Amino acid sequence: MDAVTILGLAAGFLTTTSFLPQVVKTWKTRSAHDLSYGMIVLFLSGIGLWFLYGVQIQSLPIMLANALTIVLLFILFGMKIRYS
């Protein structure tokens, strides 16, 4: 694995895991009132496009980070529906 791929994986790891505290907080408090449907949908759309871009250029860091972020966003979206 080259240095650029490692850099991309590190960046993807940090940006993807930045959603974990929000997911955990929402799950623990059973409250998603502060989360905006608009933000979730727009961000999910953008992340989906980044994932497709990663597929097109065959970039593992982009595909992996955005696939995991999509999963976390779907979890947040589900909690927003359930707890709002």
Protein backbone atom coordinates (compact mmCIF):
# COMPACT_ATOMS: atom_id res chain seq x y z
CA MET A 1 0.00 0.00 0.00
CA ASP A 2 1.44 3.35 -1.00
CA ALA A 3 1.57 6.52 1.09
CA VAL A 4 -1.26 8.22 -0.84
CA THR A 5 -3.62 5.30 -0.16
CA ILE A 6 -2.68 5.31 3.52
CA LEU A 7 -3.32 9.07 3.63
CA GLY A 8 -6.72 8.57 2.03
CA LEU A 9 -7.63 5.76 4.42
CA ALA A 10 -6.59 7.87 7.42
CA ALA A 11 -8.66 10.83 6.20
CA GLY A 12 -11.63 8.59 5.52
CA PHE A 13 -11.34 6.96 8.93
CA LEU A 14 -11.33 10.31 10.72
CA THR A 15 -14.22 11.83 8.78
CA THR A 16 -16.33 8.68 9.00
CA THR A 17 -15.77 8.13 12.70
CA SER A 18 -16.70 11.76 13.36
CA PHE A 19 -20.32 10.58 13.03
CA LEU A 20 -20.02 7.96 15.75
CA PRO A 21 -20.44 10.37 18.69
CA GLN A 22 -23.67 11.71 17.15
CA VAL A 23 -25.01 8.20 16.54
CA VAL A 24 -24.17 7.13 20.11
CA LYS A 25 -25.62 10.32 21.64
CA THR A 26 -28.83 10.01 19.64
CA TRP A 27 -29.18 6.36 20.60
CA LYS A 28 -28.47 6.99 24.31
CA THR A 29 -30.73 10.02 24.67
CA ARG A 30 -33.42 8.69 22.33
CA SER A 31 -33.66 12.23 20.99
CA ALA A 32 -33.06 13.39 17.43
CA HIS A 33 -34.85 16.72 17.60
CA ASP A 34 -31.67 18.67 16.87
CA LEU A 35 -31.00 16.74 13.66
CA SER A 36 -32.40 18.25 10.50
CA TYR A 37 -33.99 16.01 7.88
CA GLY A 38 -32.65 18.38 5.24
CA MET A 39 -29.07 18.07 6.48
CA ILE A 40 -29.27 14.28 6.63
CA VAL A 41 -30.78 13.95 3.14
CA LEU A 42 -28.41 16.45 1.52
CA PHE A 43 -25.36 14.97 3.22
CA LEU A 44 -26.45 11.44 2.33
CA SER A 45 -26.86 12.51 -1.30
CA GLY A 46 -23.40 14.07 -1.38
CA ILE A 47 -21.79 11.08 0.28
CA GLY A 48 -23.57 8.79 -2.18
CA LEU A 49 -22.10 10.77 -5.06
CA TRP A 50 -18.64 10.62 -3.49
CA PHE A 51 -19.05 6.85 -3.21
CA LEU A 52 -19.97 6.62 -6.91
CA TYR A 53 -17.00 8.82 -7.76
CA GLY A 54 -14.75 6.46 -5.80
CA VAL A 55 -16.17 3.52 -7.74
CA GLN A 56 -15.53 5.27 -11.05
CA ILE A 57 -11.91 6.03 -10.24
CA GLN A 58 -11.47 2.75 -8.34
CA SER A 59 -10.30 4.43 -5.14
CA LEU A 60 -10.55 2.12 -2.13
CA PRO A 61 -10.23 4.94 0.46
CA ILE A 62 -13.05 6.95 -1.11
CA MET A 63 -15.33 3.94 -1.53
CA LEU A 64 -14.70 2.54 1.94
CA ALA A 65 -15.02 5.81 3.86
CA ASN A 66 -18.18 6.86 2.06
CA ALA A 67 -19.81 3.42 2.28
CA LEU A 68 -19.32 3.45 6.05
CA THR A 69 -20.58 7.03 6.29
CA ILE A 70 -23.69 6.04 4.32
CA VAL A 71 -24.38 3.28 6.86
CA LEU A 72 -24.01 5.72 9.76
CA LEU A 73 -26.24 8.28 8.04
CA PHE A 74 -28.95 5.67 7.46
CA ILE A 75 -28.75 4.80 11.16
CA LEU A 76 -29.11 8.49 12.08
CA PHE A 77 -31.97 8.88 9.61
CA GLY A 78 -33.74 5.89 11.13
CA MET A 79 -33.28 7.28 14.64
CA LYS A 80 -34.51 10.68 13.47
CA ILE A 81 -37.71 9.05 12.20
CA ARG A 82 -38.13 6.91 15.30
CA TYR A 83 -37.28 9.46 18.00
CA SER A 84 -38.79 12.63 16.52
